[in-house]
N, C-alpha and C. Protein backbone atom coordinates (compact mmCIF):
# COMPACT_ATOMS: atom_id res chain seq x y z
N UNK A 1 0.70 -1.14 0.26
CA UNK A 1 0.28 -0.05 0.07
C UNK A 1 0.86 0.88 0.16
N UNK A 2 0.44 2.06 -1.01
CA UNK A 2 1.34 3.45 -0.98
C UNK A 2 1.07 4.52 0.10
N UNK A 3 2.01 5.46 0.53
CA UNK A 3 1.46 6.15 1.25
C UNK A 3 0.83 7.53 0.65
N UNK A 4 -0.28 7.73 1.69
CA UNK A 4 -1.41 9.12 1.07
C UNK A 4 -0.83 10.46 1.65
N UNK A 5 -0.26 11.59 1.22
CA UNK A 5 0.55 12.62 2.12
C UNK A 5 -0.82 13.59 1.56
N UNK A 6 -0.76 14.06 2.99
CA UNK A 6 -2.35 15.12 2.70
C UNK A 6 -1.44 16.54 3.45
N UNK A 7 -2.27 17.60 2.94
CA UNK A 7 -1.87 18.71 3.48
C UNK A 7 -3.68 19.58 3.63
N UNK A 8 -3.22 20.28 4.77
CA UNK A 8 -4.46 21.04 5.33
C UNK A 8 -4.10 22.82 4.72
N UNK A 9 -5.45 23.36 3.96
CA UNK A 9 -5.41 24.36 3.26
C UNK A 9 -6.17 25.22 3.40
N UNK A 10 -6.30 26.13 3.47
CA UNK A 10 -7.25 27.54 4.09
C UNK A 10 -7.75 27.91 2.33
N UNK A 11 -9.14 27.45 2.27
CA UNK A 11 -9.92 28.06 1.15
C UNK A 11 -10.33 29.28 0.83
N UNK A 12 -10.41 29.68 -0.58
CA UNK A 12 -10.89 31.22 -0.78
C UNK A 12 -11.97 31.68 -0.12
N UNK A 13 -12.61 30.80 0.65
CA UNK A 13 -13.87 31.06 1.23
C UNK A 13 -13.84 31.10 2.85
N UNK A 14 -12.47 30.70 3.20
CA UNK A 14 -12.19 30.78 4.77
C UNK A 14 -12.32 29.32 5.27
N UNK A 15 -12.84 28.41 4.28
CA UNK A 15 -12.70 27.13 5.13
C UNK A 15 -11.58 26.46 5.19
N UNK A 16 -11.25 25.59 6.32
CA UNK A 16 -10.03 24.77 6.07
C UNK A 16 -10.31 23.73 5.68
N UNK A 17 -9.37 22.87 4.96
CA UNK A 17 -9.78 21.75 4.34
C UNK A 17 -8.33 20.93 4.24
N UNK A 18 -8.71 19.51 3.81
CA UNK A 18 -7.64 18.92 4.20
C UNK A 18 -7.98 17.84 2.35
N UNK A 19 -6.83 18.06 2.16
CA UNK A 19 -6.74 17.24 0.48
C UNK A 19 -5.52 16.20 0.33
N UNK A 20 -5.56 15.54 -0.39
CA UNK A 20 -4.49 15.08 -1.12
C UNK A 20 -3.16 16.06 -1.65
N UNK A 21 -1.72 15.75 -0.92
CA UNK A 21 -0.74 16.96 -1.08
C UNK A 21 -0.52 16.86 -2.79
N UNK A 22 -0.50 15.63 -3.61
CA UNK A 22 -0.31 15.79 -5.03
C UNK A 22 -1.34 15.89 -5.87
N UNK A 23 -2.70 16.50 -5.42
CA UNK A 23 -3.40 16.91 -6.01
C UNK A 23 -4.44 18.45 -5.90
N UNK A 24 -5.40 18.43 -6.79
CA UNK A 24 -5.78 19.74 -6.62
C UNK A 24 -7.30 19.52 -6.62
N UNK A 25 -7.47 18.03 -6.58
CA UNK A 25 -8.79 17.59 -6.25
C UNK A 25 -9.85 18.27 -5.26
N UNK A 26 -11.17 18.26 -5.17
CA UNK A 26 -11.83 18.43 -4.03
C UNK A 26 -11.22 17.68 -2.73
N UNK A 27 -11.37 18.80 -1.79
CA UNK A 27 -10.70 18.26 -0.40
C UNK A 27 -11.70 17.23 -0.06
N UNK A 28 -10.69 16.32 0.26
CA UNK A 28 -11.37 15.10 1.82
C UNK A 28 -12.39 15.67 2.61
N UNK A 29 -12.16 16.53 3.46
CA UNK A 29 -12.75 16.93 4.43
C UNK A 29 -12.47 18.74 4.77
N UNK A 30 -13.83 19.32 5.14
CA UNK A 30 -14.03 20.84 5.29
C UNK A 30 -14.07 20.82 6.36
N UNK A 31 -13.66 21.86 7.23
CA UNK A 31 -14.22 22.56 8.24
C UNK A 31 -14.83 24.16 7.98
N UNK A 32 -15.69 24.44 8.72
CA UNK A 32 -16.21 26.07 8.43
C UNK A 32 -16.17 26.56 9.85
N UNK A 33 -15.55 27.61 10.52
CA UNK A 33 -15.97 28.32 11.55
C UNK A 33 -17.35 29.54 10.92
N UNK A 34 -17.83 29.70 12.35
CA UNK A 34 -18.67 30.87 11.72
C UNK A 34 -17.90 31.97 12.08
N UNK A 35 -18.45 33.50 11.65
CA UNK A 35 -17.69 34.23 11.70
C UNK A 35 -17.63 35.05 13.15
N UNK A 36 -18.35 34.38 14.14
CA UNK A 36 -17.87 35.00 15.89
C UNK A 36 -17.07 33.87 16.12
N UNK A 37 -16.81 32.80 15.98
CA UNK A 37 -15.68 31.62 16.20
C UNK A 37 -14.30 32.55 15.93
N UNK A 38 -14.71 32.69 14.24
CA UNK A 38 -13.51 33.08 13.97
C UNK A 38 -12.58 34.37 14.65
N UNK A 39 -13.37 35.34 14.89
CA UNK A 39 -13.11 36.53 15.86
C UNK A 39 -12.79 36.01 16.92
N UNK A 40 -13.33 35.11 18.03
CA UNK A 40 -12.95 34.40 19.17
C UNK A 40 -11.99 33.89 19.01
N UNK A 41 -11.31 32.75 18.25
CA UNK A 41 -10.30 32.22 17.97
C UNK A 41 -9.06 33.05 17.55
N UNK A 42 -9.37 33.77 16.73
CA UNK A 42 -8.36 34.69 15.97
C UNK A 42 -7.39 33.68 15.22
N UNK A 43 -6.29 33.58 15.31
CA UNK A 43 -5.35 32.77 14.62
C UNK A 43 -5.26 31.60 14.75
N UNK A 44 -5.72 31.08 15.84
CA UNK A 44 -5.77 29.65 16.57
C UNK A 44 -6.83 28.81 16.12
N UNK A 45 -7.98 29.39 15.13
CA UNK A 45 -8.99 28.74 14.12
C UNK A 45 -8.15 27.47 13.43
N UNK A 46 -6.74 27.93 12.82
CA UNK A 46 -6.24 26.93 11.89
C UNK A 46 -5.55 25.60 12.94
N UNK A 47 -5.13 26.23 14.18
CA UNK A 47 -4.73 25.08 15.51
C UNK A 47 -6.08 23.98 15.86
N UNK A 48 -7.14 24.81 15.73
CA UNK A 48 -8.33 23.92 16.10
C UNK A 48 -8.66 22.92 15.14
N UNK A 49 -8.83 23.42 13.36
CA UNK A 49 -8.98 22.73 12.88
C UNK A 49 -8.09 21.81 12.68
N UNK A 50 -6.85 21.77 12.73
CA UNK A 50 -5.84 20.77 12.77
C UNK A 50 -6.33 19.39 13.61
N UNK A 51 -6.27 19.99 14.69
CA UNK A 51 -6.59 19.15 15.77
C UNK A 51 -8.06 18.19 15.50
N UNK A 52 -9.22 18.97 14.78
CA UNK A 52 -10.30 18.29 14.30
C UNK A 52 -9.97 17.55 13.17
N UNK A 53 -9.20 17.63 12.06
CA UNK A 53 -8.80 16.94 10.87
C UNK A 53 -8.12 15.56 11.53
N UNK A 54 -7.28 15.87 12.12
CA UNK A 54 -6.30 14.96 12.79
C UNK A 54 -7.30 13.91 13.26
N UNK A 55 -7.98 14.26 14.17
CA UNK A 55 -9.46 13.41 14.68
C UNK A 55 -9.96 12.74 13.84
N UNK A 56 -10.53 13.11 12.83
CA UNK A 56 -11.13 12.90 11.63
C UNK A 56 -10.49 11.50 10.99
N UNK A 57 -9.06 11.81 10.53
CA UNK A 57 -8.38 10.91 10.02
C UNK A 57 -7.82 9.62 11.18
N UNK A 58 -7.87 9.88 12.22
CA UNK A 58 -7.65 8.65 12.98
C UNK A 58 -9.06 7.88 12.79
N UNK A 59 -10.30 8.67 13.43
CA UNK A 59 -11.37 7.78 13.10
C UNK A 59 -11.84 7.22 11.82
N UNK A 60 -11.56 7.39 10.58
CA UNK A 60 -11.64 6.86 9.39
C UNK A 60 -10.79 5.85 9.51
N UNK A 61 -9.76 6.12 9.80
CA UNK A 61 -8.70 5.13 9.93
C UNK A 61 -8.90 4.08 11.10
N UNK A 62 -9.60 4.33 11.95
CA UNK A 62 -10.07 3.04 12.99
C UNK A 62 -11.24 2.40 12.57
N UNK A 63 -12.38 3.05 11.58
CA UNK A 63 -13.41 2.28 11.07
C UNK A 63 -12.80 1.46 9.68
N UNK A 64 -11.84 1.96 8.61
CA UNK A 64 -11.23 1.24 8.05
C UNK A 64 -10.81 -0.41 8.88
N UNK A 65 -10.02 0.11 9.70
CA UNK A 65 -9.26 -1.41 10.38
C UNK A 65 -10.43 -2.17 11.18
N UNK A 66 -11.69 -1.43 11.63
CA UNK A 66 -12.42 -2.68 11.94
C UNK A 66 -13.31 -2.82 11.01
N UNK A 67 -13.62 -2.42 9.83
CA UNK A 67 -14.50 -3.06 8.78
C UNK A 67 -13.51 -3.95 8.13
N UNK A 68 -11.89 -4.01 8.26
CA UNK A 68 -11.53 -5.09 7.62
C UNK A 68 -11.65 -6.40 8.55
N UNK A 69 -11.35 -5.95 9.68
CA UNK A 69 -11.78 -7.41 10.90
C UNK A 69 -13.20 -7.80 10.91
N UNK A 70 -14.04 -7.18 10.01
CA UNK A 70 -15.21 -7.71 10.29
C UNK A 70 -16.78 -6.32 10.83
N UNK A 71 -17.77 -6.59 10.44
CA UNK A 71 -18.76 -5.82 10.91
C UNK A 71 -19.22 -5.92 12.49
N UNK A 72 -19.07 -7.05 12.92
CA UNK A 72 -19.27 -7.10 14.15
C UNK A 72 -18.36 -6.83 15.15
N UNK A 73 -18.39 -6.04 16.01
CA UNK A 73 -17.41 -5.51 17.10
C UNK A 73 -17.64 -6.44 18.33
N UNK A 74 -16.91 -6.37 18.99
CA UNK A 74 -16.94 -7.05 20.52
C UNK A 74 -17.87 -6.51 21.44
N UNK A 75 -17.79 -4.98 21.15
CA UNK A 75 -18.63 -4.16 22.31
C UNK A 75 -20.08 -3.89 21.74
N UNK A 76 -20.19 -4.55 20.54
CA UNK A 76 -21.61 -4.70 20.36
C UNK A 76 -22.21 -3.24 19.97
N UNK A 77 -21.51 -2.42 19.40
CA UNK A 77 -21.52 -0.94 19.09
C UNK A 77 -21.08 -0.97 17.17
N UNK A 78 -22.03 -0.66 16.61
CA UNK A 78 -22.01 -0.26 15.30
C UNK A 78 -22.40 0.92 14.66
N UNK A 79 -21.32 1.98 14.66
CA UNK A 79 -21.21 2.94 14.22
C UNK A 79 -22.10 3.30 12.76
N UNK A 80 -21.64 2.56 11.86
CA UNK A 80 -21.81 2.40 10.48
C UNK A 80 -23.28 2.01 10.45
N UNK A 81 -23.74 1.13 11.12
CA UNK A 81 -25.37 0.67 11.05
C UNK A 81 -26.04 1.91 11.62
N UNK A 82 -25.69 2.60 12.50
CA UNK A 82 -26.40 3.58 13.47
C UNK A 82 -26.40 4.79 12.29
N UNK A 83 -25.48 5.12 11.90
CA UNK A 83 -25.51 5.86 10.62
C UNK A 83 -26.62 5.52 9.51
N UNK A 84 -26.90 4.56 9.06
CA UNK A 84 -27.58 3.75 7.87
C UNK A 84 -28.75 4.10 8.52
N UNK A 85 -29.11 4.15 9.74
CA UNK A 85 -30.88 3.90 10.12
C UNK A 85 -31.13 5.61 10.01
N UNK A 86 -30.02 6.10 10.34
CA UNK A 86 -30.81 7.48 10.33
C UNK A 86 -30.32 8.51 9.08
N UNK A 87 -30.40 7.43 7.91
CA UNK A 87 -30.04 7.95 6.78
C UNK A 87 -31.03 9.07 5.89
N UNK A 88 -32.15 9.44 6.96
CA UNK A 88 -33.06 9.80 6.19
C UNK A 88 -32.80 11.31 6.39
N UNK A 89 -33.91 12.51 5.82
CA UNK A 89 -33.42 13.72 5.44
C UNK A 89 -32.95 14.28 6.83
N UNK A 90 -33.25 14.23 8.38
CA UNK A 90 -33.01 14.98 9.42
C UNK A 90 -31.73 14.67 9.66
N UNK A 91 -31.23 16.11 10.18
CA UNK A 91 -29.72 15.90 10.57
C UNK A 91 -29.71 15.24 11.77
N UNK A 92 -28.05 14.52 12.00
CA UNK A 92 -27.97 13.76 13.22
C UNK A 92 -27.99 14.77 14.29
N UNK A 93 -28.54 14.58 15.39
CA UNK A 93 -28.01 15.31 16.58
C UNK A 93 -27.57 14.27 17.38
N UNK A 94 -26.20 15.18 17.47
CA UNK A 94 -25.06 14.01 18.31
C UNK A 94 -24.70 15.18 19.54
N UNK A 95 -24.71 14.79 20.87
CA UNK A 95 -24.61 15.22 22.00
C UNK A 95 -24.01 14.20 23.02
């Protein structure tokens, strides 16, 4: 398996995005902060976005590993099935 190199960029519209370093394709993930949060965080919003993107990468990696092992997990929890069950037009409430 070849390594995928990623880069974090700021888009023209102010969103922070993650994309393949060797491509100008559509970003893999995007993070958007409201104007109020941008003002509050000032320059730190880039650092917050880095942490959020890193967490997303780790989550995707964990899901890929679990998917390779099999759909049944020892703890009986299956986030992918939960997401499919909520696939109607309502936004998911996560808290």
